[in-house]
Amino acid sequence: MPNIKDRRLRIKLSIRHKIEGTPARPRLSVFKSNKAIYAQVIDDSKGHTILAASSKELESKGGVNLEISKTVGKKIAEKALASGINEIVFDRNGYLYHGNIKALAEGAREGGLKF
């Protein structure tokens, strides 16, 4: 029976075969751990990260909750709009679109990014 890591990796690769970040519409990739949540905007044609935000930048202590995830989404949207990016492709990175991942996406939408 495959474990959760193998399942997430299989789903992640399936997603990455379907989406790609371009200079006009870069990819917003999300990673979560038990202690933090990270988001980065990536241009896959050049293969580099344009900008990033994480819950570690915030002044919060402890783990990650929905409110912190939403704040990280707003922060990445603010940075993206400041650098001239207003449309992105969302990469949930193999995680279910649920909980903290959904909260981050909603925060980015509220911040002004279009998916």
C-alpha atoms as a PDB file:
ATOM      1  CA  MET A   1       0.000   0.000   0.000  1.00  0.00           C
ATOM      2  CA  PRO A   2       1.538   3.353  -1.000  1.00  0.00           C
ATOM      3  CA  ASN A   3       2.086   5.899   1.706  1.00  0.00           C
ATOM      4  CA  ILE A   4       0.901   9.504   1.700  1.00  0.00           C
ATOM      5  CA  LYS A   5       4.205  10.890   0.369  1.00  0.00           C
ATOM      6  CA  ASP A   6       4.111   8.602  -2.684  1.00  0.00           C
ATOM      7  CA  ARG A   7       0.480   9.472  -3.348  1.00  0.00           C
ATOM      8  CA  ARG A   8       1.162  13.214  -3.125  1.00  0.00           C
ATOM      9  CA  LEU A   9       4.201  12.884  -5.405  1.00  0.00           C
ATOM     10  CA  ARG A  10       2.149  11.000  -8.017  1.00  0.00           C
ATOM     11  CA  ILE A  11      -0.607  13.644  -7.899  1.00  0.00           C
ATOM     12  CA  LYS A  12       2.001  16.444  -7.977  1.00  0.00           C
ATOM     13  CA  LEU A  13       3.642  15.072 -11.134  1.00  0.00           C
ATOM     14  CA  SER A  14       0.249  14.642 -12.781  1.00  0.00           C
ATOM     15  CA  ILE A  15      -0.587  18.288 -12.073  1.00  0.00           C
ATOM     16  CA  ARG A  16       2.823  19.534 -13.265  1.00  0.00           C
ATOM     17  CA  HIS A  17       2.392  17.772 -16.618  1.00  0.00           C
ATOM     18  CA  LYS A  18      -0.760  19.799 -17.203  1.00  0.00           C
ATOM     19  CA  ILE A  19       0.261  23.302 -16.066  1.00  0.00           C
ATOM     20  CA  GLU A  20       3.222  25.531 -16.804  1.00  0.00           C
ATOM     21  CA  GLY A  21       4.173  29.014 -15.705  1.00  0.00           C
ATOM     22  CA  THR A  22       4.999  31.529 -18.420  1.00  0.00           C
ATOM     23  CA  PRO A  23       6.348  35.081 -18.116  1.00  0.00           C
ATOM     24  CA  ALA A  24       2.841  36.429 -18.830  1.00  0.00           C
ATOM     25  CA  ARG A  25       1.145  33.990 -16.437  1.00  0.00           C
ATOM     26  CA  PRO A  26       3.569  32.495 -13.888  1.00  0.00           C
ATOM     27  CA  ARG A  27       2.829  29.548 -11.615  1.00  0.00           C
ATOM     28  CA  LEU A  28       1.910  30.039  -7.945  1.00  0.00           C
ATOM     29  CA  SER A  29       3.264  26.982  -6.137  1.00  0.00           C
ATOM     30  CA  VAL A  30       2.275  26.163  -2.546  1.00  0.00           C
ATOM     31  CA  PHE A  31       4.137  24.037  -0.003  1.00  0.00           C
ATOM     32  CA  LYS A  32       2.989  23.321   3.517  1.00  0.00           C
ATOM     33  CA  SER A  33       4.697  21.736   6.464  1.00  0.00           C
ATOM     34  CA  ASN A  34       3.551  21.183  10.023  1.00  0.00           C
ATOM     35  CA  LYS A  35       5.089  24.495  11.093  1.00  0.00           C
ATOM     36  CA  ALA A  36       4.736  26.827   8.087  1.00  0.00           C
ATOM     37  CA  ILE A  37       3.150  27.409   4.691  1.00  0.00           C
ATOM     38  CA  TYR A  38       5.104  28.758   1.724  1.00  0.00           C
ATOM     39  CA  ALA A  39       4.053  30.241  -1.614  1.00  0.00           C
ATOM     40  CA  GLN A  40       6.252  31.176  -4.545  1.00  0.00           C
ATOM     41  CA  VAL A  41       5.623  32.586  -8.006  1.00  0.00           C
ATOM     42  CA  ILE A  42       7.693  30.749 -10.605  1.00  0.00           C
ATOM     43  CA  ASP A  43       8.492  31.411 -14.269  1.00  0.00           C
ATOM     44  CA  ASP A  44       9.009  27.908 -15.680  1.00  0.00           C
ATOM     45  CA  SER A  45      10.351  29.094 -19.042  1.00  0.00           C
ATOM     46  CA  LYS A  46      13.414  30.585 -17.315  1.00  0.00           C
ATOM     47  CA  GLY A  47      13.300  28.159 -14.406  1.00  0.00           C
ATOM     48  CA  HIS A  48      13.526  30.668 -11.582  1.00  0.00           C
ATOM     49  CA  THR A  49      11.441  31.975  -8.707  1.00  0.00           C
ATOM     50  CA  ILE A  50      10.184  35.518  -9.223  1.00  0.00           C
ATOM     51  CA  LEU A  51       8.983  36.125  -5.653  1.00  0.00           C
ATOM     52  CA  ALA A  52       8.015  34.250  -2.524  1.00  0.00           C
ATOM     53  CA  ALA A  53       6.134  34.623   0.768  1.00  0.00           C
ATOM     54  CA  SER A  54       5.734  32.412   3.794  1.00  0.00           C
ATOM     55  CA  SER A  55       4.167  32.278   7.214  1.00  0.00           C
ATOM     56  CA  LYS A  56       7.680  32.610   8.679  1.00  0.00           C
ATOM     57  CA  GLU A  57       7.695  36.257   7.506  1.00  0.00           C
ATOM     58  CA  LEU A  58       4.715  36.936   9.777  1.00  0.00           C
ATOM     59  CA  GLU A  59       5.056  37.672  13.478  1.00  0.00           C
ATOM     60  CA  SER A  60       2.955  34.650  14.470  1.00  0.00           C
ATOM     61  CA  LYS A  61       4.218  31.913  16.738  1.00  0.00           C
ATOM     62  CA  GLY A  62       3.236  28.259  16.527  1.00  0.00           C
ATOM     63  CA  GLY A  63       1.728  26.368  13.630  1.00  0.00           C
ATOM     64  CA  VAL A  64      -0.367  27.339  10.656  1.00  0.00           C
ATOM     65  CA  ASN A  65      -4.097  27.963  10.689  1.00  0.00           C
ATOM     66  CA  LEU A  66      -6.590  29.198   8.096  1.00  0.00           C
ATOM     67  CA  GLU A  67      -6.145  32.851   9.059  1.00  0.00           C
ATOM     68  CA  ILE A  68      -2.357  32.703   8.642  1.00  0.00           C
ATOM     69  CA  SER A  69      -2.721  30.909   5.290  1.00  0.00           C
ATOM     70  CA  LYS A  70      -5.106  33.584   4.048  1.00  0.00           C
ATOM     71  CA  THR A  71      -2.653  36.302   5.145  1.00  0.00           C
ATOM     72  CA  VAL A  72       0.179  34.600   3.236  1.00  0.00           C
ATOM     73  CA  GLY A  73      -2.085  34.522   0.143  1.00  0.00           C
ATOM     74  CA  LYS A  74      -2.765  38.246   0.462  1.00  0.00           C
ATOM     75  CA  LYS A  75       0.945  38.938   0.968  1.00  0.00           C
ATOM     76  CA  ILE A  76       1.961  37.008  -2.175  1.00  0.00           C
ATOM     77  CA  ALA A  77      -0.773  38.820  -4.134  1.00  0.00           C
ATOM     78  CA  GLU A  78       0.482  42.183  -2.882  1.00  0.00           C
ATOM     79  CA  LYS A  79       4.065  41.357  -3.932  1.00  0.00           C
ATOM     80  CA  ALA A  80       2.913  40.028  -7.312  1.00  0.00           C
ATOM     81  CA  LEU A  81       0.816  43.095  -8.103  1.00  0.00           C
ATOM     82  CA  ALA A  82       3.725  45.351  -7.106  1.00  0.00           C
ATOM     83  CA  SER A  83       5.953  43.535  -9.613  1.00  0.00           C
ATOM     84  CA  GLY A  84       3.335  43.754 -12.392  1.00  0.00           C
ATOM     85  CA  ILE A  85       1.885  40.238 -12.225  1.00  0.00           C
ATOM     86  CA  ASN A  86      -1.894  40.031 -12.034  1.00  0.00           C
ATOM     87  CA  GLU A  87      -2.648  36.603 -13.580  1.00  0.00           C
ATOM     88  CA  ILE A  88      -1.225  33.316 -12.353  1.00  0.00           C
ATOM     89  CA  VAL A  89      -1.663  29.559 -12.692  1.00  0.00           C
ATOM     90  CA  PHE A  90      -2.332  27.909  -9.319  1.00  0.00           C
ATOM     91  CA  ASP A  91      -0.261  24.812  -8.475  1.00  0.00           C
ATOM     92  CA  ARG A  92      -1.586  23.075  -5.370  1.00  0.00           C
ATOM     93  CA  ASN A  93       1.508  20.851  -5.444  1.00  0.00           C
ATOM     94  CA  GLY A  94      -0.315  17.555  -4.883  1.00  0.00           C
ATOM     95  CA  TYR A  95      -2.262  18.731  -1.840  1.00  0.00           C
ATOM     96  CA  LEU A  96      -6.048  18.600  -1.750  1.00  0.00           C
ATOM     97  CA  TYR A  97      -7.748  21.932  -2.498  1.00  0.00           C
ATOM     98  CA  HIS A  98      -8.983  22.075   1.058  1.00  0.00           C
ATOM     99  CA  GLY A  99      -8.170  23.791   4.336  1.00  0.00           C
ATOM    100  CA  ASN A 100      -4.951  25.814   4.341  1.00  0.00           C
ATOM    101  CA  ILE A 101      -4.380  25.465   0.571  1.00  0.00           C
ATOM    102  CA  LYS A 102      -7.879  26.763  -0.153  1.00  0.00           C
ATOM    103  CA  ALA A 103      -7.454  29.611   2.361  1.00  0.00           C
ATOM    104  CA  LEU A 104      -4.177  30.678   0.698  1.00  0.00           C
ATOM    105  CA  ALA A 105      -5.831  30.648  -2.745  1.00  0.00           C
ATOM    106  CA  GLU A 106      -8.796  32.682  -1.478  1.00  0.00           C
ATOM    107  CA  GLY A 107      -6.409  35.178   0.136  1.00  0.00           C
ATOM    108  CA  ALA A 108      -4.536  35.555  -3.156  1.00  0.00           C
ATOM    109  CA  ARG A 109      -7.827  36.118  -5.007  1.00  0.00           C
ATOM    110  CA  GLU A 110      -8.909  38.704  -2.438  1.00  0.00           C
ATOM    111  CA  GLY A 111      -5.519  40.368  -2.864  1.00  0.00           C
ATOM    112  CA  GLY A 112      -6.246  40.871  -6.574  1.00  0.00           C
ATOM    113  CA  LEU A 113      -4.679  37.900  -8.385  1.00  0.00           C
ATOM    114  CA  LYS A 114      -6.660  36.189 -11.136  1.00  0.00           C
ATOM    115  CA  PHE A 115      -6.462  32.403 -11.546  1.00  0.00           C
END
